[in-house]
Amino acid sequence: MEYLVVKSGLPTLDAARAYGLAQLLQVLANGKASPYITDQGGVFAVSLNAELTHDALTRSDMWRAAFADSNWQRVFLTYKKAWSAQRDRVKRTLEEQVAAVVTRAGDGLCVDFAGKFALPGPLDPVGFKGLKGLTAGNYSEGQTYLDEQNGALACLGATIAQRYKFGKREYFVTLPIPQMVQFNDFHQIRHLVYDKGLAYLGVRTAAAHFALIFADAIRERAAGNPYFPLSFSNVLYFSLFQSGQQFKPSVGGSINLARLLDIALSRPQAAAEMFKTWDYLFRRGSVKGNEALAEAITDLLMAPSGESYYRHARIFNRYIVDSSKRVNSEFLYDEAALMEVMAYVEQ
């Protein structure tokens, strides 16, 4: 059976709704089958070949585990201590209206922006509306609303698929956009990647490193299969910085994953060596005094060009030739890895 999430034009919201629907369907199938998420242009298709049991939610350990995830507090971070009430509202909505959600998805699930569900800021950073919890002062601003069912699915999906890494005063948020993804494989990748992180210089560096370790985890999961059925188009990223008692959006953008995944799946051995060097540069660059290494590899990964390559090479070479900086030989490019770097730049 194929279920459709009709895109609304808000990329973060739409991807989160697709992830949320996939999680809901997997629980309704009692975990006996894993949905596929496929980007078909104007819709995300979520397909599942299994019989659904609508009363499975209230007795499923998988369902309870989904609502024990620590990401719920981050998705509803603007609600401060009231975040758990919002999580419980999502859970209650999906349990009580599951039959209607599945029926709507079978016909094509469209967002109704005339609903009564206030969209949390991390699901629409462009329309971020500030703090919803009580503060010492007054803060009032219009909010974005949508229907309860889509809002609940989106919050569930955001909890599953968004990664939050806290810096000194801000969250760096990343979200991989599915192209063709088996949901069980995504959960495996999430387990390998989402807890990793460094002391990043900013959201661009955080997003670039996330894209790298995400692609490397797919390489590991594929185990040499160039036709491994797991593909993502982009990583969306943005930051939420704390200003007083409020979190507000800052820099955002997207990273195209096509080049990284092409190398990871078609030339995994060379990719492993190249990724090892790049990961080292991010890690070494996260240490005070070495920031130029992280900045240069971020530019190369996000905007590959002759200029970004030569800047990266010049900075890296300074560390290589300076004996006081001590770059271990295991982190230097071998010939195959260097050829892949050049191919990455020239694509």
C-alpha atoms as a PDB file:
ATOM      1  CA  MET A   1       0.000   0.000   0.000  1.00  0.00           C
ATOM      2  CA  GLU A   2       1.279   3.461  -0.860  1.00  0.00           C
ATOM      3  CA  TYR A   3       0.578   6.491   1.295  1.00  0.00           C
ATOM      4  CA  LEU A   4       1.295  10.054   0.173  1.00  0.00           C
ATOM      5  CA  VAL A   5       2.528  13.150   1.991  1.00  0.00           C
ATOM      6  CA  VAL A   6       1.713  16.091  -0.279  1.00  0.00           C
ATOM      7  CA  LYS A   7       4.419  18.742   0.029  1.00  0.00           C
ATOM      8  CA  SER A   8       3.400  22.094   1.463  1.00  0.00           C
ATOM      9  CA  GLY A   9       6.431  24.085   0.310  1.00  0.00           C
ATOM     10  CA  LEU A  10       8.107  24.098   3.752  1.00  0.00           C
ATOM     11  CA  PRO A  11      10.959  21.580   3.316  1.00  0.00           C
ATOM     12  CA  THR A  12      11.650  20.898   6.980  1.00  0.00           C
ATOM     13  CA  LEU A  13       7.972  20.416   7.762  1.00  0.00           C
ATOM     14  CA  ASP A  14       7.410  18.164   4.739  1.00  0.00           C
ATOM     15  CA  ALA A  15      10.353  15.853   5.400  1.00  0.00           C
ATOM     16  CA  ALA A  16       9.385  15.604   9.076  1.00  0.00           C
ATOM     17  CA  ARG A  17       5.813  14.629   8.125  1.00  0.00           C
ATOM     18  CA  ALA A  18       7.171  11.831   5.901  1.00  0.00           C
ATOM     19  CA  TYR A  19       9.389  10.483   8.668  1.00  0.00           C
ATOM     20  CA  GLY A  20       6.520  10.720  11.141  1.00  0.00           C
ATOM     21  CA  LEU A  21       4.130   8.821   8.869  1.00  0.00           C
ATOM     22  CA  ALA A  22       6.748   6.109   8.304  1.00  0.00           C
ATOM     23  CA  GLN A  23       7.180   5.673  12.050  1.00  0.00           C
ATOM     24  CA  LEU A  24       3.428   5.501  12.605  1.00  0.00           C
ATOM     25  CA  LEU A  25       2.933   2.898   9.864  1.00  0.00           C
ATOM     26  CA  GLN A  26       5.793   0.748  11.119  1.00  0.00           C
ATOM     27  CA  VAL A  27       4.214   0.596  14.571  1.00  0.00           C
ATOM     28  CA  LEU A  28       0.784  -0.163  13.070  1.00  0.00           C
ATOM     29  CA  ALA A  29       2.407  -3.091  11.248  1.00  0.00           C
ATOM     30  CA  ASN A  30       3.675  -4.328  14.628  1.00  0.00           C
ATOM     31  CA  GLY A  31       7.228  -3.905  13.378  1.00  0.00           C
ATOM     32  CA  LYS A  32       6.815  -6.796  10.928  1.00  0.00           C
ATOM     33  CA  ALA A  33       7.659  -4.646   7.906  1.00  0.00           C
ATOM     34  CA  SER A  34       9.683  -1.513   7.283  1.00  0.00           C
ATOM     35  CA  PRO A  35       8.236   1.333   5.196  1.00  0.00           C
ATOM     36  CA  TYR A  36      10.036   2.928   2.260  1.00  0.00           C
ATOM     37  CA  ILE A  37      10.093   6.708   1.883  1.00  0.00           C
ATOM     38  CA  THR A  38      10.478   7.891  -1.714  1.00  0.00           C
ATOM     39  CA  ASP A  39      10.654  11.475  -2.951  1.00  0.00           C
ATOM     40  CA  GLN A  40       8.395  11.677  -6.017  1.00  0.00           C
ATOM     41  CA  GLY A  41       8.629  15.406  -6.627  1.00  0.00           C
ATOM     42  CA  GLY A  42       5.432  16.939  -5.320  1.00  0.00           C
ATOM     43  CA  VAL A  43       4.921  14.204  -2.730  1.00  0.00           C
ATOM     44  CA  PHE A  44       6.787  11.886  -0.417  1.00  0.00           C
ATOM     45  CA  ALA A  45       5.448   8.373  -0.955  1.00  0.00           C
ATOM     46  CA  VAL A  46       5.548   6.055   2.052  1.00  0.00           C
ATOM     47  CA  SER A  47       4.964   2.447   0.997  1.00  0.00           C
ATOM     48  CA  LEU A  48       4.420  -0.568   3.214  1.00  0.00           C
ATOM     49  CA  ASN A  49       3.402  -4.139   2.372  1.00  0.00           C
ATOM     50  CA  ALA A  50       1.823  -5.214   5.635  1.00  0.00           C
ATOM     51  CA  GLU A  51      -1.521  -5.384   7.373  1.00  0.00           C
ATOM     52  CA  LEU A  52      -2.138  -2.514   9.771  1.00  0.00           C
ATOM     53  CA  THR A  53      -3.604  -2.898  13.243  1.00  0.00           C
ATOM     54  CA  HIS A  54      -5.028   0.402  14.450  1.00  0.00           C
ATOM     55  CA  ASP A  55      -5.061  -0.540  18.129  1.00  0.00           C
ATOM     56  CA  ALA A  56      -1.350  -1.440  18.031  1.00  0.00           C
ATOM     57  CA  LEU A  57      -0.240   1.976  19.275  1.00  0.00           C
ATOM     58  CA  THR A  58      -1.483   1.699  22.843  1.00  0.00           C
ATOM     59  CA  ARG A  59       0.228  -1.662  23.428  1.00  0.00           C
ATOM     60  CA  SER A  60       3.444  -1.242  21.448  1.00  0.00           C
ATOM     61  CA  ASP A  61       6.862  -0.989  23.094  1.00  0.00           C
ATOM     62  CA  MET A  62       8.126   0.595  19.865  1.00  0.00           C
ATOM     63  CA  TRP A  63       5.529   3.337  20.214  1.00  0.00           C
ATOM     64  CA  ARG A  64       6.372   4.001  23.853  1.00  0.00           C
ATOM     65  CA  ALA A  65      10.069   4.156  22.984  1.00  0.00           C
ATOM     66  CA  ALA A  66       9.406   6.770  20.301  1.00  0.00           C
ATOM     67  CA  PHE A  67       7.888   9.059  22.931  1.00  0.00           C
ATOM     68  CA  ALA A  68      10.722   8.500  25.397  1.00  0.00           C
ATOM     69  CA  ASP A  69      13.248  10.065  22.995  1.00  0.00           C
ATOM     70  CA  SER A  70      15.146  13.043  24.423  1.00  0.00           C
ATOM     71  CA  ASN A  71      14.632  14.996  21.174  1.00  0.00           C
ATOM     72  CA  TRP A  72      11.050  15.832  22.180  1.00  0.00           C
ATOM     73  CA  GLN A  73      12.301  18.520  24.547  1.00  0.00           C
ATOM     74  CA  ARG A  74      14.356  20.056  21.725  1.00  0.00           C
ATOM     75  CA  VAL A  75      11.549  20.027  19.174  1.00  0.00           C
ATOM     76  CA  PHE A  76       9.433  21.928  21.710  1.00  0.00           C
ATOM     77  CA  LEU A  77      12.292  23.967  23.186  1.00  0.00           C
ATOM     78  CA  THR A  78      10.346  27.237  22.886  1.00  0.00           C
ATOM     79  CA  TYR A  79       7.754  25.878  25.309  1.00  0.00           C
ATOM     80  CA  LYS A  80      10.330  25.626  28.103  1.00  0.00           C
ATOM     81  CA  LYS A  81       8.965  23.428  30.923  1.00  0.00           C
ATOM     82  CA  ALA A  82       5.681  22.914  29.073  1.00  0.00           C
ATOM     83  CA  TRP A  83       7.371  20.787  26.382  1.00  0.00           C
ATOM     84  CA  SER A  84       6.123  17.497  27.854  1.00  0.00           C
ATOM     85  CA  ALA A  85       2.493  18.614  27.588  1.00  0.00           C
ATOM     86  CA  GLN A  86       3.013  19.226  23.876  1.00  0.00           C
ATOM     87  CA  ARG A  87       4.586  15.785  23.459  1.00  0.00           C
ATOM     88  CA  ASP A  88       1.624  14.197  25.227  1.00  0.00           C
ATOM     89  CA  ARG A  89      -0.740  16.129  22.975  1.00  0.00           C
ATOM     90  CA  VAL A  90       0.981  14.684  19.887  1.00  0.00           C
ATOM     91  CA  LYS A  91       0.776  11.168  21.301  1.00  0.00           C
ATOM     92  CA  ARG A  92      -2.891  11.552  22.196  1.00  0.00           C
ATOM     93  CA  THR A  93      -3.786  12.992  18.778  1.00  0.00           C
ATOM     94  CA  LEU A  94      -2.178  10.139  16.860  1.00  0.00           C
ATOM     95  CA  GLU A  95      -3.637   7.443  19.103  1.00  0.00           C
ATOM     96  CA  GLU A  96      -7.155   8.858  18.953  1.00  0.00           C
ATOM     97  CA  GLN A  97      -7.143   9.802  15.256  1.00  0.00           C
ATOM     98  CA  VAL A  98      -4.948   7.076  13.773  1.00  0.00           C
ATOM     99  CA  ALA A  99      -7.671   5.699  11.468  1.00  0.00           C
ATOM    100  CA  ALA A 100      -8.346   9.162  10.041  1.00  0.00           C
ATOM    101  CA  VAL A 101      -4.613   9.830   9.546  1.00  0.00           C
ATOM    102  CA  VAL A 102      -4.128   6.565   7.636  1.00  0.00           C
ATOM    103  CA  THR A 103      -7.203   7.213   5.492  1.00  0.00           C
ATOM    104  CA  ARG A 104      -6.071  10.744   4.632  1.00  0.00           C
ATOM    105  CA  ALA A 105      -2.578   9.511   3.797  1.00  0.00           C
ATOM    106  CA  GLY A 106      -4.037   6.909   1.457  1.00  0.00           C
ATOM    107  CA  ASP A 107      -5.671   9.708  -0.527  1.00  0.00           C
ATOM    108  CA  GLY A 108      -2.806  12.186  -0.172  1.00  0.00           C
ATOM    109  CA  LEU A 109      -2.129  13.990   3.100  1.00  0.00           C
ATOM    110  CA  CYS A 110      -2.332  17.770   2.560  1.00  0.00           C
ATOM    111  CA  VAL A 111      -1.582  20.420   5.166  1.00  0.00           C
ATOM    112  CA  ASP A 112      -4.391  22.707   6.238  1.00  0.00           C
ATOM    113  CA  PHE A 113      -2.828  25.968   7.434  1.00  0.00           C
ATOM    114  CA  ALA A 114      -6.160  27.065   8.887  1.00  0.00           C
ATOM    115  CA  GLY A 115      -5.879  24.548  11.725  1.00  0.00           C
ATOM    116  CA  LYS A 116      -5.283  25.060  15.454  1.00  0.00           C
ATOM    117  CA  PHE A 117      -1.896  23.362  15.921  1.00  0.00           C
ATOM    118  CA  ALA A 118       0.870  25.967  16.506  1.00  0.00           C
ATOM    119  CA  LEU A 119       3.903  24.949  14.472  1.00  0.00           C
ATOM    120  CA  PRO A 120       7.039  24.711  16.655  1.00  0.00           C
ATOM    121  CA  GLY A 121       9.927  26.877  15.490  1.00  0.00           C
ATOM    122  CA  PRO A 122      12.324  23.986  14.748  1.00  0.00           C
ATOM    123  CA  LEU A 123       9.852  22.735  12.113  1.00  0.00           C
ATOM    124  CA  ASP A 124       9.761  26.021  10.234  1.00  0.00           C
ATOM    125  CA  PRO A 125      12.858  28.103  11.002  1.00  0.00           C
ATOM    126  CA  VAL A 126      11.873  30.737   8.430  1.00  0.00           C
ATOM    127  CA  GLY A 127       8.617  31.342  10.283  1.00  0.00           C
ATOM    128  CA  PHE A 128      10.074  31.031  13.759  1.00  0.00           C
ATOM    129  CA  LYS A 129       7.829  32.784  16.263  1.00  0.00           C
ATOM    130  CA  GLY A 130       9.875  32.925  19.445  1.00  0.00           C
ATOM    131  CA  LEU A 131       9.142  31.699  22.916  1.00  0.00           C
ATOM    132  CA  LYS A 132       5.765  30.159  23.815  1.00  0.00           C
ATOM    133  CA  GLY A 133       6.423  29.531  27.519  1.00  0.00           C
ATOM    134  CA  LEU A 134       6.091  31.967  30.417  1.00  0.00           C
ATOM    135  CA  THR A 135       8.843  34.576  30.778  1.00  0.00           C
ATOM    136  CA  ALA A 136       9.616  37.495  33.035  1.00  0.00           C
ATOM    137  CA  GLY A 137       8.477  39.898  30.320  1.00  0.00           C
ATOM    138  CA  ASN A 138       5.762  40.065  27.718  1.00  0.00           C
ATOM    139  CA  TYR A 139       6.316  38.605  24.265  1.00  0.00           C
ATOM    140  CA  SER A 140       3.562  38.325  21.714  1.00  0.00           C
ATOM    141  CA  GLU A 141       3.705  37.578  17.992  1.00  0.00           C
ATOM    142  CA  GLY A 142       1.564  35.870  15.399  1.00  0.00           C
ATOM    143  CA  GLN A 143       2.061  32.129  14.939  1.00  0.00           C
ATOM    144  CA  THR A 144       1.879  29.645  12.069  1.00  0.00           C
ATOM    145  CA  TYR A 145      -0.925  27.122  12.479  1.00  0.00           C
ATOM    146  CA  LEU A 146      -1.783  23.859  10.740  1.00  0.00           C
ATOM    147  CA  ASP A 147      -4.171  20.986  11.286  1.00  0.00           C
ATOM    148  CA  GLU A 148      -3.716  18.735  14.300  1.00  0.00           C
ATOM    149  CA  GLN A 149      -2.940  15.523  12.405  1.00  0.00           C
ATOM    150  CA  ASN A 150      -0.195  16.961  10.205  1.00  0.00           C
ATOM    151  CA  GLY A 151       1.229  18.868  13.149  1.00  0.00           C
ATOM    152  CA  ALA A 152       1.420  15.700  15.238  1.00  0.00           C
ATOM    153  CA  LEU A 153       3.037  13.690  12.439  1.00  0.00           C
ATOM    154  CA  ALA A 154       5.585  16.446  11.827  1.00  0.00           C
ATOM    155  CA  CYS A 155       6.591  16.635  15.479  1.00  0.00           C
ATOM    156  CA  LEU A 156       6.965  12.859  15.637  1.00  0.00           C
ATOM    157  CA  GLY A 157       9.116  12.917  12.491  1.00  0.00           C
ATOM    158  CA  ALA A 158      11.240  15.812  13.719  1.00  0.00           C
ATOM    159  CA  THR A 159      11.954  13.951  16.943  1.00  0.00           C
ATOM    160  CA  ILE A 160      13.112  10.936  14.944  1.00  0.00           C
ATOM    161  CA  ALA A 161      15.060  12.635  12.159  1.00  0.00           C
ATOM    162  CA  GLN A 162      16.385  16.007  13.320  1.00  0.00           C
ATOM    163  CA  ARG A 163      19.763  16.081  15.030  1.00  0.00           C
ATOM    164  CA  TYR A 164      20.436  18.796  17.611  1.00  0.00           C
ATOM    165  CA  LYS A 165      23.987  19.637  18.668  1.00  0.00           C
ATOM    166  CA  PHE A 166      24.317  22.333  21.333  1.00  0.00           C
ATOM    167  CA  GLY A 167      27.157  24.846  21.078  1.00  0.00           C
ATOM    168  CA  LYS A 168      27.979  27.608  23.515  1.00  0.00           C
ATOM    169  CA  ARG A 169      24.719  29.505  23.018  1.00  0.00           C
ATOM    170  CA  GLU A 170      22.930  27.803  20.156  1.00  0.00           C
ATOM    171  CA  TYR A 171      21.603  24.564  18.741  1.00  0.00           C
ATOM    172  CA  PHE A 172      22.939  23.367  15.401  1.00  0.00           C
ATOM    173  CA  VAL A 173      20.043  21.527  13.740  1.00  0.00           C
ATOM    174  CA  THR A 174      20.424  19.134  10.799  1.00  0.00           C
ATOM    175  CA  LEU A 175      17.832  17.096   8.912  1.00  0.00           C
ATOM    176  CA  PRO A 176      18.604  14.618   6.089  1.00  0.00           C
ATOM    177  CA  ILE A 177      16.030  14.722   3.279  1.00  0.00           C
ATOM    178  CA  PRO A 178      15.029  11.230   2.093  1.00  0.00           C
ATOM    179  CA  GLN A 179      15.142  10.342  -1.586  1.00  0.00           C
ATOM    180  CA  MET A 180      14.700   6.571  -1.364  1.00  0.00           C
ATOM    181  CA  VAL A 181      15.001   5.240   2.152  1.00  0.00           C
ATOM    182  CA  GLN A 182      14.039   2.046   3.906  1.00  0.00           C
ATOM    183  CA  PHE A 183      13.025   3.154   7.370  1.00  0.00           C
ATOM    184  CA  ASN A 184      14.884   0.413   9.262  1.00  0.00           C
ATOM    185  CA  ASP A 185      18.096   1.380   7.469  1.00  0.00           C
ATOM    186  CA  PHE A 186      17.565   5.009   8.457  1.00  0.00           C
ATOM    187  CA  HIS A 187      17.232   3.987  12.099  1.00  0.00           C
ATOM    188  CA  GLN A 188      20.527   2.110  11.827  1.00  0.00           C
ATOM    189  CA  ILE A 189      22.247   5.150  10.343  1.00  0.00           C
ATOM    190  CA  ARG A 190      20.735   7.363  13.034  1.00  0.00           C
ATOM    191  CA  HIS A 191      22.181   5.060  15.701  1.00  0.00           C
ATOM    192  CA  LEU A 192      25.641   5.307  14.125  1.00  0.00           C
ATOM    193  CA  VAL A 193      25.646   9.073  13.562  1.00  0.00           C
ATOM    194  CA  TYR A 194      23.344  11.177  15.706  1.00  0.00           C
ATOM    195  CA  ASP A 195      25.253  10.946  18.990  1.00  0.00           C
ATOM    196  CA  LYS A 196      28.541  11.976  17.382  1.00  0.00           C
ATOM    197  CA  GLY A 197      29.654  15.587  17.423  1.00  0.00           C
ATOM    198  CA  LEU A 198      32.378  18.098  18.142  1.00  0.00           C
ATOM    199  CA  ALA A 199      32.854  21.598  19.517  1.00  0.00           C
ATOM    200  CA  TYR A 200      31.918  23.268  16.244  1.00  0.00           C
ATOM    201  CA  LEU A 201      32.838  26.755  15.079  1.00  0.00           C
ATOM    202  CA  GLY A 202      29.339  27.361  13.727  1.00  0.00           C
ATOM    203  CA  VAL A 203      26.375  25.776  12.017  1.00  0.00           C
ATOM    204  CA  ARG A 204      28.078  25.420   8.593  1.00  0.00           C
ATOM    205  CA  THR A 205      30.905  23.388  10.107  1.00  0.00           C
ATOM    206  CA  ALA A 206      28.429  21.332  12.160  1.00  0.00           C
ATOM    207  CA  ALA A 207      26.333  20.601   9.066  1.00  0.00           C
ATOM    208  CA  ALA A 208      29.341  19.738   6.891  1.00  0.00           C
ATOM    209  CA  HIS A 209      30.720  17.298   9.478  1.00  0.00           C
ATOM    210  CA  PHE A 210      27.280  15.767   9.911  1.00  0.00           C
ATOM    211  CA  ALA A 211      27.011  15.235   6.136  1.00  0.00           C
ATOM    212  CA  LEU A 212      30.435  13.549   6.129  1.00  0.00           C
ATOM    213  CA  ILE A 213      29.788  11.114   8.984  1.00  0.00           C
ATOM    214  CA  PHE A 214      26.290  10.467   7.614  1.00  0.00           C
ATOM    215  CA  ALA A 215      27.724   9.470   4.213  1.00  0.00           C
ATOM    216  CA  ASP A 216      30.393   7.363   5.897  1.00  0.00           C
ATOM    217  CA  ALA A 217      27.761   5.524   7.941  1.00  0.00           C
ATOM    218  CA  ILE A 218      25.863   4.737   4.740  1.00  0.00           C
ATOM    219  CA  ARG A 219      29.116   3.409   3.262  1.00  0.00           C
ATOM    220  CA  GLU A 220      29.543   1.124   6.273  1.00  0.00           C
ATOM    221  CA  ARG A 221      25.924   0.009   6.145  1.00  0.00           C
ATOM    222  CA  ALA A 222      26.123  -0.743   2.406  1.00  0.00           C
ATOM    223  CA  ALA A 223      29.062  -3.121   2.968  1.00  0.00           C
ATOM    224  CA  GLY A 224      30.303  -2.774  -0.601  1.00  0.00           C
ATOM    225  CA  ASN A 225      26.889  -2.946  -2.297  1.00  0.00           C
ATOM    226  CA  PRO A 226      26.835  -0.101  -4.869  1.00  0.00           C
ATOM    227  CA  TYR A 227      23.057  -0.542  -5.265  1.00  0.00           C
ATOM    228  CA  PHE A 228      22.302  -0.230  -1.577  1.00  0.00           C
ATOM    229  CA  PRO A 229      18.713   1.127  -1.376  1.00  0.00           C
ATOM    230  CA  LEU A 230      19.378   4.130   0.798  1.00  0.00           C
ATOM    231  CA  SER A 231      19.575   7.572  -0.787  1.00  0.00           C
ATOM    232  CA  PHE A 232      19.223  11.105   0.553  1.00  0.00           C
ATOM    233  CA  SER A 233      19.185  14.264  -1.554  1.00  0.00           C
ATOM    234  CA  ASN A 234      20.246  16.975   0.899  1.00  0.00           C
ATOM    235  CA  VAL A 235      20.924  17.864   4.485  1.00  0.00           C
ATOM    236  CA  LEU A 236      18.958  20.898   5.630  1.00  0.00           C
ATOM    237  CA  TYR A 237      20.583  22.867   8.426  1.00  0.00           C
ATOM    238  CA  PHE A 238      19.967  25.928  10.560  1.00  0.00           C
ATOM    239  CA  SER A 239      20.884  27.220  13.987  1.00  0.00           C
ATOM    240  CA  LEU A 240      18.732  28.334  16.891  1.00  0.00           C
ATOM    241  CA  PHE A 241      20.606  30.800  19.067  1.00  0.00           C
ATOM    242  CA  GLN A 242      19.620  31.928  22.530  1.00  0.00           C
ATOM    243  CA  SER A 243      18.947  35.630  22.919  1.00  0.00           C
ATOM    244  CA  GLY A 244      17.939  36.383  26.473  1.00  0.00           C
ATOM    245  CA  GLN A 245      15.203  33.876  27.271  1.00  0.00           C
ATOM    246  CA  GLN A 246      14.318  33.247  23.642  1.00  0.00           C
ATOM    247  CA  PHE A 247      15.647  30.997  20.880  1.00  0.00           C
ATOM    248  CA  LYS A 248      15.750  32.604  17.448  1.00  0.00           C
ATOM    249  CA  PRO A 249      16.788  31.299  14.010  1.00  0.00           C
ATOM    250  CA  SER A 250      20.097  32.220  12.489  1.00  0.00           C
ATOM    251  CA  VAL A 251      22.098  30.903   9.517  1.00  0.00           C
ATOM    252  CA  GLY A 252      20.491  28.140   7.463  1.00  0.00           C
ATOM    253  CA  GLY A 253      20.929  26.341   4.165  1.00  0.00           C
ATOM    254  CA  SER A 254      21.349  22.906   2.589  1.00  0.00           C
ATOM    255  CA  ILE A 255      24.135  20.542   1.534  1.00  0.00           C
ATOM    256  CA  ASN A 256      23.768  18.379  -1.564  1.00  0.00           C
ATOM    257  CA  LEU A 257      24.702  14.799  -0.646  1.00  0.00           C
ATOM    258  CA  ALA A 258      24.937  13.406  -4.193  1.00  0.00           C
ATOM    259  CA  ARG A 259      28.731  13.628  -4.515  1.00  0.00           C
ATOM    260  CA  LEU A 260      29.468  12.181  -1.093  1.00  0.00           C
ATOM    261  CA  LEU A 261      27.052   9.292  -1.535  1.00  0.00           C
ATOM    262  CA  ASP A 262      28.282   8.527  -5.040  1.00  0.00           C
ATOM    263  CA  ILE A 263      31.827   8.071  -3.722  1.00  0.00           C
ATOM    264  CA  ALA A 264      30.631   6.224  -0.604  1.00  0.00           C
ATOM    265  CA  LEU A 265      28.664   3.630  -2.582  1.00  0.00           C
ATOM    266  CA  SER A 266      30.564   3.276  -5.858  1.00  0.00           C
ATOM    267  CA  ARG A 267      34.145   3.470  -4.525  1.00  0.00           C
ATOM    268  CA  PRO A 268      33.896   2.538  -0.838  1.00  0.00           C
ATOM    269  CA  GLN A 269      37.570   1.751  -0.170  1.00  0.00           C
ATOM    270  CA  ALA A 270      38.825   5.057  -1.528  1.00  0.00           C
ATOM    271  CA  ALA A 271      35.903   6.810   0.198  1.00  0.00           C
ATOM    272  CA  ALA A 272      36.891   5.302   3.543  1.00  0.00           C
ATOM    273  CA  GLU A 273      40.393   6.756   3.242  1.00  0.00           C
ATOM    274  CA  MET A 274      39.197  10.168   2.067  1.00  0.00           C
ATOM    275  CA  PHE A 275      36.505  10.362   4.741  1.00  0.00           C
ATOM    276  CA  LYS A 276      39.052   9.394   7.422  1.00  0.00           C
ATOM    277  CA  THR A 277      41.268  12.331   6.461  1.00  0.00           C
ATOM    278  CA  TRP A 278      38.350  14.753   6.301  1.00  0.00           C
ATOM    279  CA  ASP A 279      37.020  13.592   9.670  1.00  0.00           C
ATOM    280  CA  TYR A 280      40.484  14.151  11.137  1.00  0.00           C
ATOM    281  CA  LEU A 281      40.522  17.703   9.766  1.00  0.00           C
ATOM    282  CA  PHE A 282      37.146  18.455  11.364  1.00  0.00           C
ATOM    283  CA  ARG A 283      38.309  16.988  14.673  1.00  0.00           C
ATOM    284  CA  ARG A 284      41.693  18.667  14.661  1.00  0.00           C
ATOM    285  CA  GLY A 285      40.008  21.883  13.570  1.00  0.00           C
ATOM    286  CA  SER A 286      37.640  21.775  16.545  1.00  0.00           C
ATOM    287  CA  VAL A 287      40.596  22.437  18.870  1.00  0.00           C
ATOM    288  CA  LYS A 288      41.364  26.070  19.664  1.00  0.00           C
ATOM    289  CA  GLY A 289      44.103  27.410  17.449  1.00  0.00           C
ATOM    290  CA  ASN A 290      43.406  24.988  14.595  1.00  0.00           C
ATOM    291  CA  GLU A 291      40.131  26.494  13.386  1.00  0.00           C
ATOM    292  CA  ALA A 292      41.492  27.157   9.884  1.00  0.00           C
ATOM    293  CA  LEU A 293      41.592  23.397   9.209  1.00  0.00           C
ATOM    294  CA  ALA A 294      37.868  23.019   9.960  1.00  0.00           C
ATOM    295  CA  GLU A 295      36.934  26.156   8.030  1.00  0.00           C
ATOM    296  CA  ALA A 296      38.845  25.015   4.929  1.00  0.00           C
ATOM    297  CA  ILE A 297      37.441  21.469   4.855  1.00  0.00           C
ATOM    298  CA  THR A 298      33.939  22.864   5.427  1.00  0.00           C
ATOM    299  CA  ASP A 299      34.296  25.091   2.367  1.00  0.00           C
ATOM    300  CA  LEU A 300      35.661  22.209   0.276  1.00  0.00           C
ATOM    301  CA  LEU A 301      32.852  19.841   1.242  1.00  0.00           C
ATOM    302  CA  MET A 302      30.026  22.368   0.885  1.00  0.00           C
ATOM    303  CA  ALA A 303      31.251  24.337  -2.129  1.00  0.00           C
ATOM    304  CA  PRO A 304      33.788  22.175  -4.004  1.00  0.00           C
ATOM    305  CA  SER A 305      35.904  24.161  -6.444  1.00  0.00           C
ATOM    306  CA  GLY A 306      39.515  24.634  -7.438  1.00  0.00           C
ATOM    307  CA  GLU A 307      39.744  27.599  -5.094  1.00  0.00           C
ATOM    308  CA  SER A 308      38.342  25.769  -2.056  1.00  0.00           C
ATOM    309  CA  TYR A 309      40.575  22.769  -2.789  1.00  0.00           C
ATOM    310  CA  TYR A 310      43.780  24.796  -3.004  1.00  0.00           C
ATOM    311  CA  ARG A 311      42.930  26.728   0.148  1.00  0.00           C
ATOM    312  CA  HIS A 312      42.386  23.445   1.981  1.00  0.00           C
ATOM    313  CA  ALA A 313      45.617  21.997   0.545  1.00  0.00           C
ATOM    314  CA  ARG A 314      47.708  25.027   1.527  1.00  0.00           C
ATOM    315  CA  ILE A 315      46.465  25.023   5.113  1.00  0.00           C
ATOM    316  CA  PHE A 316      46.770  21.246   5.495  1.00  0.00           C
ATOM    317  CA  ASN A 317      50.275  21.310   4.027  1.00  0.00           C
ATOM    318  CA  ARG A 318      51.412  23.834   6.649  1.00  0.00           C
ATOM    319  CA  TYR A 319      50.548  21.299   9.321  1.00  0.00           C
ATOM    320  CA  ILE A 320      52.194  18.464   7.431  1.00  0.00           C
ATOM    321  CA  VAL A 321      55.573  20.200   6.973  1.00  0.00           C
ATOM    322  CA  ASP A 322      55.673  21.703  10.478  1.00  0.00           C
ATOM    323  CA  SER A 323      57.056  18.996  12.772  1.00  0.00           C
ATOM    324  CA  SER A 324      55.683  20.807  15.823  1.00  0.00           C
ATOM    325  CA  LYS A 325      52.123  20.286  14.598  1.00  0.00           C
ATOM    326  CA  ARG A 326      52.553  16.511  14.140  1.00  0.00           C
ATOM    327  CA  VAL A 327      50.097  15.122  11.609  1.00  0.00           C
ATOM    328  CA  ASN A 328      50.234  11.331  11.880  1.00  0.00           C
ATOM    329  CA  SER A 329      50.824   9.558   8.581  1.00  0.00           C
ATOM    330  CA  GLU A 330      47.596   7.564   8.912  1.00  0.00           C
ATOM    331  CA  PHE A 331      45.625  10.788   8.355  1.00  0.00           C
ATOM    332  CA  LEU A 332      47.444  11.821   5.185  1.00  0.00           C
ATOM    333  CA  TYR A 333      45.833  11.233   1.790  1.00  0.00           C
ATOM    334  CA  ASP A 334      46.974   8.135  -0.030  1.00  0.00           C
ATOM    335  CA  GLU A 335      46.985   8.226  -3.827  1.00  0.00           C
ATOM    336  CA  ALA A 336      43.488   6.753  -4.244  1.00  0.00           C
ATOM    337  CA  ALA A 337      41.977   9.140  -1.676  1.00  0.00           C
ATOM    338  CA  LEU A 338      43.636  12.144  -3.294  1.00  0.00           C
ATOM    339  CA  MET A 339      42.225  11.125  -6.679  1.00  0.00           C
ATOM    340  CA  GLU A 340      38.771  11.002  -5.100  1.00  0.00           C
ATOM    341  CA  VAL A 341      39.223  14.484  -3.665  1.00  0.00           C
ATOM    342  CA  MET A 342      40.046  15.772  -7.130  1.00  0.00           C
ATOM    343  CA  ALA A 343      37.034  13.927  -8.583  1.00  0.00           C
ATOM    344  CA  TYR A 344      34.828  15.449  -5.849  1.00  0.00           C
ATOM    345  CA  VAL A 345      36.005  18.919  -6.841  1.00  0.00           C
ATOM    346  CA  GLU A 346      35.580  18.379 -10.585  1.00  0.00           C
ATOM    347  CA  GLN A 347      32.092  16.810 -10.607  1.00  0.00           C
END
